[in-house]
Amino acid sequence: MSRIAKQPVEIPNGVEINIKDNLISFKGPKGEMSMDVHSTVNVNKDDKTINVEVKEKNSAMAGTMRALIYNNVIGVSQGYEKKLNLVGVGYKAEVKNNQLHLALGFSHPVVYEYEKAIDIKTPTPTEIIISGISKQRVGQIAAEIRAFRPPEPYKGKGVKYSDENIIRKEAKKK
């Protein structure tokens, strides 16, 4: 069993967890989620902790299931957030009824539609904040928006994560 799988997941106050057959449901102040448990893993719930145990020998899924359970507990209690910055002259973003409108230097505006479970805000025209309860969906949507215009290495123009460092290249010399 992996080192990660051996660690118990602590349940914060205000989070309800129900385990029924191979389904775990999480309910917290931010929302509700559920996930399937892999067949090679047992999940046990105590008063304030969840433990993952291996049914079969050499189950590689134990650490993965523990990490997914932990991510869902944090998601329903605190939520996840990713910040993107737009770098470039004339680059801007705004949200209109579940659509993110981006001006990224193309001849046309880029329109990105997203589901209601995810919340996207634009506090300034060059900043995008993506938040939600699913770590996977928040990261996926951030990656999809970044893929419209990834940062280029010469001037650093494009859509970048707020904590991302762009390795700059030197321009051509004559």
N, C-alpha and C. Protein backbone atom coordinates (compact mmCIF):
# COMPACT_ATOMS: atom_id res chain seq x y z
N MET A 1 0.85 -1.18 0.00
CA MET A 1 0.00 0.00 0.00
C MET A 1 0.89 1.24 0.00
N SER A 2 0.47 2.25 -0.72
CA SER A 2 1.28 3.46 -0.84
C SER A 2 1.27 4.29 0.43
N ARG A 3 2.25 5.20 0.54
CA ARG A 3 2.32 6.08 1.72
C ARG A 3 1.12 7.01 1.79
N ILE A 4 0.65 7.45 0.62
CA ILE A 4 -0.49 8.37 0.58
C ILE A 4 -1.76 7.65 1.05
N ALA A 5 -1.94 6.41 0.63
CA ALA A 5 -3.15 5.66 0.99
C ALA A 5 -3.23 5.38 2.48
N LYS A 6 -2.10 5.31 3.15
CA LYS A 6 -2.09 5.02 4.59
C LYS A 6 -2.57 6.20 5.42
N GLN A 7 -2.46 7.41 4.90
CA GLN A 7 -2.87 8.59 5.65
C GLN A 7 -4.39 8.71 5.67
N PRO A 8 -5.00 8.93 6.84
CA PRO A 8 -6.45 9.11 6.88
C PRO A 8 -6.84 10.50 6.36
N VAL A 9 -8.03 10.60 5.81
CA VAL A 9 -8.56 11.89 5.36
C VAL A 9 -9.44 12.44 6.47
N GLU A 10 -9.11 13.64 6.95
CA GLU A 10 -9.90 14.24 8.02
C GLU A 10 -11.13 14.92 7.44
N ILE A 11 -12.26 14.76 8.12
CA ILE A 11 -13.51 15.36 7.67
C ILE A 11 -13.71 16.67 8.43
N PRO A 12 -13.72 17.82 7.73
CA PRO A 12 -13.93 19.10 8.42
C PRO A 12 -15.38 19.26 8.88
N ASN A 13 -15.60 20.21 9.79
CA ASN A 13 -16.97 20.48 10.27
C ASN A 13 -17.83 20.98 9.12
N GLY A 14 -19.08 20.55 9.11
CA GLY A 14 -20.02 20.99 8.08
C GLY A 14 -20.01 20.12 6.83
N VAL A 15 -19.19 19.06 6.81
CA VAL A 15 -19.14 18.16 5.65
C VAL A 15 -19.75 16.82 6.05
N GLU A 16 -20.74 16.38 5.26
CA GLU A 16 -21.39 15.09 5.48
C GLU A 16 -20.90 14.11 4.43
N ILE A 17 -20.56 12.91 4.84
CA ILE A 17 -20.10 11.89 3.90
C ILE A 17 -20.90 10.62 4.13
N ASN A 18 -21.47 10.09 3.04
CA ASN A 18 -22.22 8.84 3.11
C ASN A 18 -21.58 7.83 2.17
N ILE A 19 -21.36 6.62 2.69
CA ILE A 19 -20.78 5.55 1.89
C ILE A 19 -21.84 4.47 1.74
N LYS A 20 -22.21 4.19 0.49
CA LYS A 20 -23.21 3.16 0.23
C LYS A 20 -22.71 2.33 -0.95
N ASP A 21 -22.50 1.03 -0.71
CA ASP A 21 -21.93 0.11 -1.70
C ASP A 21 -20.62 0.69 -2.24
N ASN A 22 -20.57 0.97 -3.53
CA ASN A 22 -19.35 1.52 -4.13
C ASN A 22 -19.50 2.99 -4.50
N LEU A 23 -20.33 3.72 -3.74
CA LEU A 23 -20.56 5.13 -4.03
C LEU A 23 -20.36 5.95 -2.75
N ILE A 24 -19.55 7.01 -2.88
CA ILE A 24 -19.35 7.94 -1.76
C ILE A 24 -19.97 9.26 -2.16
N SER A 25 -20.82 9.82 -1.29
CA SER A 25 -21.40 11.13 -1.57
C SER A 25 -20.90 12.12 -0.53
N PHE A 26 -20.55 13.31 -1.01
CA PHE A 26 -20.01 14.38 -0.17
C PHE A 26 -20.99 15.53 -0.20
N LYS A 27 -21.28 16.10 0.97
CA LYS A 27 -22.17 17.25 1.04
C LYS A 27 -21.55 18.27 1.99
N GLY A 28 -21.41 19.50 1.50
CA GLY A 28 -20.79 20.54 2.31
C GLY A 28 -21.39 21.89 2.01
N PRO A 29 -20.82 22.96 2.59
CA PRO A 29 -21.37 24.30 2.38
C PRO A 29 -21.28 24.78 0.94
N LYS A 30 -20.32 24.28 0.15
CA LYS A 30 -20.15 24.72 -1.24
C LYS A 30 -20.99 23.94 -2.23
N GLY A 31 -21.43 22.72 -1.85
CA GLY A 31 -22.25 21.92 -2.78
C GLY A 31 -22.17 20.44 -2.49
N GLU A 32 -22.61 19.65 -3.47
CA GLU A 32 -22.64 18.19 -3.34
C GLU A 32 -21.89 17.54 -4.48
N MET A 33 -21.24 16.40 -4.17
CA MET A 33 -20.53 15.61 -5.17
C MET A 33 -20.68 14.15 -4.81
N SER A 34 -20.44 13.28 -5.78
CA SER A 34 -20.37 11.85 -5.49
C SER A 34 -19.34 11.22 -6.42
N MET A 35 -18.78 10.09 -5.97
CA MET A 35 -17.80 9.39 -6.78
C MET A 35 -17.89 7.90 -6.53
N ASP A 36 -17.47 7.13 -7.52
CA ASP A 36 -17.44 5.67 -7.40
C ASP A 36 -16.13 5.24 -6.77
N VAL A 37 -16.19 4.18 -5.98
CA VAL A 37 -15.00 3.61 -5.37
C VAL A 37 -14.54 2.44 -6.24
N HIS A 38 -13.25 2.35 -6.50
CA HIS A 38 -12.69 1.26 -7.30
C HIS A 38 -12.91 -0.07 -6.59
N SER A 39 -13.08 -1.14 -7.36
CA SER A 39 -13.43 -2.44 -6.78
C SER A 39 -12.30 -3.06 -5.96
N THR A 40 -11.05 -2.62 -6.12
CA THR A 40 -9.93 -3.20 -5.36
C THR A 40 -9.67 -2.49 -4.04
N VAL A 41 -10.55 -1.52 -3.68
CA VAL A 41 -10.32 -0.68 -2.51
C VAL A 41 -11.55 -0.69 -1.60
N ASN A 42 -11.32 -0.72 -0.29
CA ASN A 42 -12.36 -0.57 0.72
C ASN A 42 -12.24 0.81 1.35
N VAL A 43 -13.36 1.48 1.59
CA VAL A 43 -13.35 2.80 2.25
C VAL A 43 -14.15 2.69 3.54
N ASN A 44 -13.51 3.07 4.67
CA ASN A 44 -14.17 3.02 5.98
C ASN A 44 -14.24 4.42 6.56
N LYS A 45 -15.39 4.72 7.20
CA LYS A 45 -15.57 6.05 7.79
C LYS A 45 -15.69 5.92 9.30
N ASP A 46 -14.87 6.72 10.03
CA ASP A 46 -14.98 6.82 11.48
C ASP A 46 -15.72 8.12 11.79
N ASP A 47 -15.59 8.63 13.02
CA ASP A 47 -16.27 9.87 13.40
C ASP A 47 -15.78 11.05 12.56
N LYS A 48 -14.46 11.27 12.54
CA LYS A 48 -13.91 12.44 11.85
C LYS A 48 -12.88 12.09 10.79
N THR A 49 -12.74 10.82 10.42
CA THR A 49 -11.75 10.42 9.41
C THR A 49 -12.30 9.38 8.45
N ILE A 50 -11.67 9.31 7.29
CA ILE A 50 -11.96 8.28 6.30
C ILE A 50 -10.66 7.54 6.04
N ASN A 51 -10.70 6.21 6.06
CA ASN A 51 -9.53 5.40 5.80
C ASN A 51 -9.73 4.57 4.54
N VAL A 52 -8.67 4.43 3.76
CA VAL A 52 -8.70 3.63 2.54
C VAL A 52 -7.89 2.37 2.80
N GLU A 53 -8.49 1.20 2.52
CA GLU A 53 -7.81 -0.07 2.69
C GLU A 53 -7.84 -0.85 1.39
N VAL A 54 -6.85 -1.72 1.24
CA VAL A 54 -6.72 -2.52 0.01
C VAL A 54 -7.43 -3.85 0.21
N LYS A 55 -8.28 -4.24 -0.77
CA LYS A 55 -8.93 -5.55 -0.73
C LYS A 55 -7.97 -6.62 -1.23
N GLU A 56 -7.35 -6.32 -2.37
CA GLU A 56 -6.45 -7.27 -3.01
C GLU A 56 -5.00 -6.84 -2.79
N LYS A 57 -4.11 -7.77 -2.96
CA LYS A 57 -2.69 -7.47 -2.83
C LYS A 57 -2.24 -6.64 -4.03
N ASN A 58 -1.34 -5.68 -3.79
CA ASN A 58 -0.76 -4.84 -4.84
C ASN A 58 -1.78 -3.98 -5.57
N SER A 59 -2.70 -3.37 -4.86
CA SER A 59 -3.66 -2.49 -5.51
C SER A 59 -3.04 -1.10 -5.68
N ALA A 60 -2.87 -0.72 -6.92
CA ALA A 60 -2.29 0.59 -7.22
C ALA A 60 -3.33 1.70 -7.07
N MET A 61 -4.59 1.36 -6.91
CA MET A 61 -5.66 2.37 -6.86
C MET A 61 -5.87 2.96 -5.47
N ALA A 62 -5.23 2.40 -4.44
CA ALA A 62 -5.48 2.87 -3.08
C ALA A 62 -5.06 4.32 -2.90
N GLY A 63 -3.87 4.69 -3.34
CA GLY A 63 -3.39 6.07 -3.23
C GLY A 63 -4.22 7.03 -4.07
N THR A 64 -4.62 6.58 -5.26
CA THR A 64 -5.43 7.41 -6.15
C THR A 64 -6.80 7.68 -5.53
N MET A 65 -7.43 6.65 -4.97
CA MET A 65 -8.75 6.82 -4.36
C MET A 65 -8.68 7.75 -3.15
N ARG A 66 -7.61 7.64 -2.34
CA ARG A 66 -7.44 8.51 -1.18
C ARG A 66 -7.29 9.95 -1.63
N ALA A 67 -6.50 10.19 -2.69
CA ALA A 67 -6.31 11.54 -3.21
C ALA A 67 -7.61 12.12 -3.75
N LEU A 68 -8.41 11.30 -4.46
CA LEU A 68 -9.68 11.77 -5.00
C LEU A 68 -10.68 12.10 -3.88
N ILE A 69 -10.70 11.26 -2.84
CA ILE A 69 -11.59 11.52 -1.70
C ILE A 69 -11.18 12.83 -1.03
N TYR A 70 -9.88 13.02 -0.81
CA TYR A 70 -9.38 14.25 -0.18
C TYR A 70 -9.75 15.48 -1.02
N ASN A 71 -9.57 15.40 -2.35
CA ASN A 71 -9.91 16.53 -3.23
C ASN A 71 -11.40 16.86 -3.17
N ASN A 72 -12.26 15.84 -3.08
CA ASN A 72 -13.70 16.09 -3.00
C ASN A 72 -14.09 16.69 -1.65
N VAL A 73 -13.44 16.25 -0.56
CA VAL A 73 -13.72 16.82 0.77
C VAL A 73 -13.35 18.30 0.78
N ILE A 74 -12.17 18.64 0.25
CA ILE A 74 -11.74 20.05 0.19
C ILE A 74 -12.67 20.83 -0.75
N GLY A 75 -13.09 20.23 -1.85
CA GLY A 75 -13.95 20.90 -2.81
C GLY A 75 -15.29 21.31 -2.22
N VAL A 76 -15.97 20.41 -1.48
CA VAL A 76 -17.28 20.75 -0.92
C VAL A 76 -17.17 21.64 0.30
N SER A 77 -15.98 21.68 0.96
CA SER A 77 -15.84 22.54 2.14
C SER A 77 -15.28 23.92 1.78
N GLN A 78 -14.23 23.99 0.94
CA GLN A 78 -13.60 25.27 0.62
C GLN A 78 -13.73 25.66 -0.85
N GLY A 79 -13.74 24.69 -1.75
CA GLY A 79 -13.79 24.97 -3.17
C GLY A 79 -12.39 25.17 -3.74
N TYR A 80 -12.29 25.20 -5.04
CA TYR A 80 -11.02 25.39 -5.73
C TYR A 80 -11.09 26.64 -6.60
N GLU A 81 -9.92 27.22 -6.86
CA GLU A 81 -9.86 28.46 -7.62
C GLU A 81 -8.58 28.50 -8.45
N LYS A 82 -8.69 28.93 -9.70
CA LYS A 82 -7.53 29.14 -10.58
C LYS A 82 -7.63 30.55 -11.13
N LYS A 83 -6.48 31.23 -11.21
CA LYS A 83 -6.44 32.57 -11.75
C LYS A 83 -5.63 32.58 -13.03
N LEU A 84 -6.15 33.27 -14.03
CA LEU A 84 -5.47 33.43 -15.31
C LEU A 84 -5.25 34.91 -15.56
N ASN A 85 -4.15 35.26 -16.20
CA ASN A 85 -3.87 36.64 -16.59
C ASN A 85 -3.74 36.71 -18.10
N LEU A 86 -4.24 37.79 -18.68
CA LEU A 86 -4.08 38.04 -20.11
C LEU A 86 -2.99 39.09 -20.28
N VAL A 87 -1.96 38.74 -21.05
CA VAL A 87 -0.84 39.64 -21.27
C VAL A 87 -0.79 39.96 -22.76
N GLY A 88 -0.92 41.23 -23.10
CA GLY A 88 -0.86 41.64 -24.50
C GLY A 88 -1.72 42.87 -24.73
N VAL A 89 -1.35 43.66 -25.70
CA VAL A 89 -2.09 44.89 -26.01
C VAL A 89 -3.45 44.52 -26.59
N GLY A 90 -4.52 45.03 -25.98
CA GLY A 90 -5.87 44.78 -26.49
C GLY A 90 -6.46 43.45 -26.04
N TYR A 91 -5.76 42.67 -25.26
CA TYR A 91 -6.29 41.40 -24.77
C TYR A 91 -7.22 41.69 -23.59
N LYS A 92 -8.45 41.18 -23.67
CA LYS A 92 -9.38 41.40 -22.57
C LYS A 92 -10.42 40.29 -22.52
N ALA A 93 -11.07 40.17 -21.36
CA ALA A 93 -12.08 39.14 -21.14
C ALA A 93 -13.26 39.73 -20.40
N GLU A 94 -14.46 39.21 -20.71
CA GLU A 94 -15.65 39.60 -19.94
C GLU A 94 -16.65 38.45 -19.98
N VAL A 95 -17.45 38.36 -18.92
CA VAL A 95 -18.43 37.29 -18.78
C VAL A 95 -19.82 37.85 -19.09
N LYS A 96 -20.54 37.16 -19.98
CA LYS A 96 -21.95 37.49 -20.29
C LYS A 96 -22.72 36.18 -20.30
N ASN A 97 -23.76 36.08 -19.49
CA ASN A 97 -24.62 34.90 -19.33
C ASN A 97 -23.97 33.55 -19.70
N ASN A 98 -23.18 33.04 -18.78
CA ASN A 98 -22.48 31.74 -18.89
C ASN A 98 -21.61 31.61 -20.13
N GLN A 99 -21.11 32.72 -20.63
CA GLN A 99 -20.16 32.71 -21.74
C GLN A 99 -19.01 33.65 -21.39
N LEU A 100 -17.80 33.21 -21.67
CA LEU A 100 -16.62 34.04 -21.47
C LEU A 100 -16.22 34.56 -22.85
N HIS A 101 -16.26 35.87 -23.01
CA HIS A 101 -15.88 36.50 -24.28
C HIS A 101 -14.45 36.99 -24.16
N LEU A 102 -13.59 36.52 -25.06
CA LEU A 102 -12.17 36.84 -25.01
C LEU A 102 -11.75 37.56 -26.29
N ALA A 103 -10.99 38.64 -26.14
CA ALA A 103 -10.36 39.32 -27.27
C ALA A 103 -8.87 39.02 -27.14
N LEU A 104 -8.35 38.15 -28.01
CA LEU A 104 -6.97 37.67 -27.88
C LEU A 104 -6.11 37.98 -29.09
N GLY A 105 -6.43 39.06 -29.80
CA GLY A 105 -5.61 39.45 -30.93
C GLY A 105 -5.95 38.73 -32.22
N PHE A 106 -6.99 37.91 -32.21
CA PHE A 106 -7.43 37.27 -33.45
C PHE A 106 -8.35 38.22 -34.19
N SER A 107 -8.71 37.85 -35.42
CA SER A 107 -9.62 38.69 -36.20
C SER A 107 -11.06 38.54 -35.72
N HIS A 108 -11.30 37.60 -34.82
CA HIS A 108 -12.64 37.34 -34.31
C HIS A 108 -12.58 37.20 -32.78
N PRO A 109 -13.68 37.49 -32.08
CA PRO A 109 -13.69 37.24 -30.64
C PRO A 109 -13.83 35.74 -30.35
N VAL A 110 -13.21 35.28 -29.28
CA VAL A 110 -13.32 33.88 -28.87
C VAL A 110 -14.39 33.81 -27.79
N VAL A 111 -15.38 32.93 -27.98
CA VAL A 111 -16.47 32.76 -27.01
C VAL A 111 -16.35 31.37 -26.42
N TYR A 112 -16.25 31.29 -25.09
CA TYR A 112 -16.13 30.01 -24.39
C TYR A 112 -17.34 29.82 -23.50
N GLU A 113 -18.13 28.77 -23.77
CA GLU A 113 -19.31 28.47 -22.95
C GLU A 113 -18.91 27.48 -21.86
N TYR A 114 -19.41 27.68 -20.64
CA TYR A 114 -19.08 26.81 -19.53
C TYR A 114 -20.34 26.46 -18.76
N GLU A 115 -20.26 25.36 -18.00
CA GLU A 115 -21.44 24.87 -17.27
C GLU A 115 -21.73 25.71 -16.03
N LYS A 116 -22.93 25.58 -15.51
CA LYS A 116 -23.37 26.39 -14.36
C LYS A 116 -22.65 26.01 -13.06
N ALA A 117 -22.09 24.79 -12.97
CA ALA A 117 -21.40 24.36 -11.76
C ALA A 117 -20.10 25.12 -11.53
N ILE A 118 -19.57 25.71 -12.58
CA ILE A 118 -18.33 26.48 -12.51
C ILE A 118 -18.67 27.96 -12.52
N ASP A 119 -17.92 28.74 -11.73
CA ASP A 119 -18.13 30.18 -11.67
C ASP A 119 -16.89 30.88 -12.22
N ILE A 120 -17.09 31.73 -13.22
CA ILE A 120 -15.98 32.49 -13.80
C ILE A 120 -16.25 33.97 -13.58
N LYS A 121 -15.25 34.67 -13.03
CA LYS A 121 -15.36 36.11 -12.80
C LYS A 121 -14.21 36.82 -13.49
N THR A 122 -14.46 38.07 -13.88
CA THR A 122 -13.40 38.91 -14.44
C THR A 122 -13.36 40.22 -13.65
N PRO A 123 -12.58 40.26 -12.53
CA PRO A 123 -12.51 41.49 -11.74
C PRO A 123 -11.90 42.65 -12.52
N THR A 124 -10.94 42.36 -13.38
CA THR A 124 -10.39 43.36 -14.30
C THR A 124 -10.44 42.76 -15.70
N PRO A 125 -10.35 43.57 -16.75
CA PRO A 125 -10.43 43.00 -18.10
C PRO A 125 -9.29 42.03 -18.44
N THR A 126 -8.19 42.07 -17.69
CA THR A 126 -7.06 41.18 -18.00
C THR A 126 -6.89 40.06 -16.98
N GLU A 127 -7.89 39.84 -16.12
CA GLU A 127 -7.79 38.80 -15.10
C GLU A 127 -9.05 37.94 -15.14
N ILE A 128 -8.86 36.61 -15.07
CA ILE A 128 -9.97 35.66 -15.06
C ILE A 128 -9.81 34.79 -13.82
N ILE A 129 -10.89 34.64 -13.03
CA ILE A 129 -10.87 33.77 -11.86
C ILE A 129 -11.91 32.68 -12.07
N ILE A 130 -11.45 31.42 -12.07
CA ILE A 130 -12.31 30.26 -12.27
C ILE A 130 -12.43 29.55 -10.93
N SER A 131 -13.66 29.32 -10.45
CA SER A 131 -13.83 28.64 -9.17
C SER A 131 -14.95 27.61 -9.26
N GLY A 132 -14.85 26.59 -8.41
CA GLY A 132 -15.84 25.52 -8.39
C GLY A 132 -15.48 24.50 -7.32
N ILE A 133 -16.29 23.43 -7.21
CA ILE A 133 -16.04 22.43 -6.18
C ILE A 133 -15.21 21.26 -6.71
N SER A 134 -15.13 21.08 -8.01
CA SER A 134 -14.38 19.97 -8.59
C SER A 134 -13.00 20.46 -9.03
N LYS A 135 -11.96 19.92 -8.40
CA LYS A 135 -10.59 20.31 -8.74
C LYS A 135 -10.29 19.97 -10.20
N GLN A 136 -10.79 18.84 -10.66
CA GLN A 136 -10.54 18.40 -12.04
C GLN A 136 -11.18 19.36 -13.03
N ARG A 137 -12.45 19.73 -12.83
CA ARG A 137 -13.15 20.61 -13.78
C ARG A 137 -12.56 22.02 -13.79
N VAL A 138 -12.21 22.56 -12.61
CA VAL A 138 -11.62 23.90 -12.54
C VAL A 138 -10.30 23.92 -13.31
N GLY A 139 -9.46 22.91 -13.09
CA GLY A 139 -8.18 22.83 -13.79
C GLY A 139 -8.34 22.62 -15.28
N GLN A 140 -9.33 21.80 -15.67
CA GLN A 140 -9.58 21.53 -17.09
C GLN A 140 -10.05 22.78 -17.82
N ILE A 141 -10.96 23.52 -17.22
CA ILE A 141 -11.47 24.74 -17.85
C ILE A 141 -10.37 25.78 -17.95
N ALA A 142 -9.54 25.90 -16.91
CA ALA A 142 -8.42 26.84 -16.95
C ALA A 142 -7.46 26.47 -18.09
N ALA A 143 -7.20 25.18 -18.26
CA ALA A 143 -6.31 24.72 -19.33
C ALA A 143 -6.91 24.97 -20.71
N GLU A 144 -8.24 24.79 -20.85
CA GLU A 144 -8.90 25.03 -22.14
C GLU A 144 -8.85 26.50 -22.51
N ILE A 145 -9.06 27.39 -21.52
CA ILE A 145 -9.01 28.83 -21.80
C ILE A 145 -7.58 29.24 -22.15
N ARG A 146 -6.60 28.70 -21.43
CA ARG A 146 -5.19 29.01 -21.70
C ARG A 146 -4.79 28.53 -23.10
N ALA A 147 -5.38 27.42 -23.56
CA ALA A 147 -5.01 26.84 -24.85
C ALA A 147 -5.43 27.72 -26.04
N PHE A 148 -6.35 28.67 -25.83
CA PHE A 148 -6.74 29.55 -26.93
C PHE A 148 -5.55 30.39 -27.40
N ARG A 149 -4.70 30.83 -26.47
CA ARG A 149 -3.52 31.62 -26.81
C ARG A 149 -2.47 31.42 -25.71
N PRO A 150 -1.71 30.30 -25.78
CA PRO A 150 -0.69 30.07 -24.76
C PRO A 150 0.39 31.15 -24.81
N PRO A 151 1.05 31.44 -23.70
CA PRO A 151 2.06 32.50 -23.71
C PRO A 151 3.24 32.15 -24.61
N GLU A 152 3.69 33.13 -25.39
CA GLU A 152 4.82 32.88 -26.28
C GLU A 152 6.11 33.34 -25.60
N PRO A 153 7.26 32.75 -25.96
CA PRO A 153 8.48 32.97 -25.18
C PRO A 153 9.23 34.27 -25.47
N TYR A 154 8.85 35.03 -26.49
CA TYR A 154 9.63 36.22 -26.84
C TYR A 154 9.14 37.47 -26.11
N LYS A 155 7.84 37.74 -26.18
CA LYS A 155 7.30 38.91 -25.46
C LYS A 155 6.44 38.49 -24.26
N GLY A 156 6.10 37.21 -24.18
CA GLY A 156 5.27 36.72 -23.07
C GLY A 156 3.80 36.98 -23.26
N LYS A 157 3.38 37.30 -24.49
CA LYS A 157 1.97 37.59 -24.74
C LYS A 157 1.15 36.29 -24.75
N GLY A 158 -0.07 36.37 -24.25
CA GLY A 158 -0.97 35.23 -24.24
C GLY A 158 -1.72 35.11 -22.94
N VAL A 159 -2.37 33.96 -22.75
CA VAL A 159 -3.12 33.68 -21.52
C VAL A 159 -2.24 32.80 -20.65
N LYS A 160 -1.94 33.27 -19.43
CA LYS A 160 -1.06 32.50 -18.55
C LYS A 160 -1.70 32.36 -17.17
N TYR A 161 -1.28 31.30 -16.45
CA TYR A 161 -1.69 31.15 -15.06
C TYR A 161 -1.04 32.28 -14.27
N SER A 162 -1.68 32.74 -13.20
CA SER A 162 -1.13 33.87 -12.45
C SER A 162 0.19 33.53 -11.77
N ASP A 163 0.40 32.26 -11.44
CA ASP A 163 1.64 31.86 -10.77
C ASP A 163 2.66 31.25 -11.73
N GLU A 164 2.39 31.33 -13.03
CA GLU A 164 3.26 30.72 -14.03
C GLU A 164 4.41 31.66 -14.40
N ASN A 165 5.61 31.12 -14.51
CA ASN A 165 6.76 31.88 -14.98
C ASN A 165 7.04 31.48 -16.42
N ILE A 166 7.10 32.46 -17.30
CA ILE A 166 7.37 32.20 -18.71
C ILE A 166 8.86 32.36 -18.94
N ILE A 167 9.49 31.31 -19.44
CA ILE A 167 10.92 31.36 -19.73
C ILE A 167 11.10 32.12 -21.03
N ARG A 168 11.78 33.26 -20.95
CA ARG A 168 11.93 34.13 -22.10
C ARG A 168 13.12 33.70 -22.96
N LYS A 169 12.96 33.91 -24.27
CA LYS A 169 14.05 33.65 -25.20
C LYS A 169 14.58 34.98 -25.70
N GLU A 170 15.81 34.98 -26.11
CA GLU A 170 16.42 36.20 -26.66
C GLU A 170 16.05 36.31 -28.12
N ALA A 171 15.80 37.53 -28.58
CA ALA A 171 15.44 37.75 -29.98
C ALA A 171 16.64 37.50 -30.88
N LYS A 172 16.36 37.33 -32.18
CA LYS A 172 17.42 37.07 -33.16
C LYS A 172 18.38 38.24 -33.23
N LYS A 173 19.64 37.95 -33.42
CA LYS A 173 20.64 39.02 -33.55
C LYS A 173 21.09 39.10 -35.00
N LYS A 174 21.45 40.32 -35.44
CA LYS A 174 21.90 40.49 -36.82
C LYS A 174 23.33 40.11 -36.99
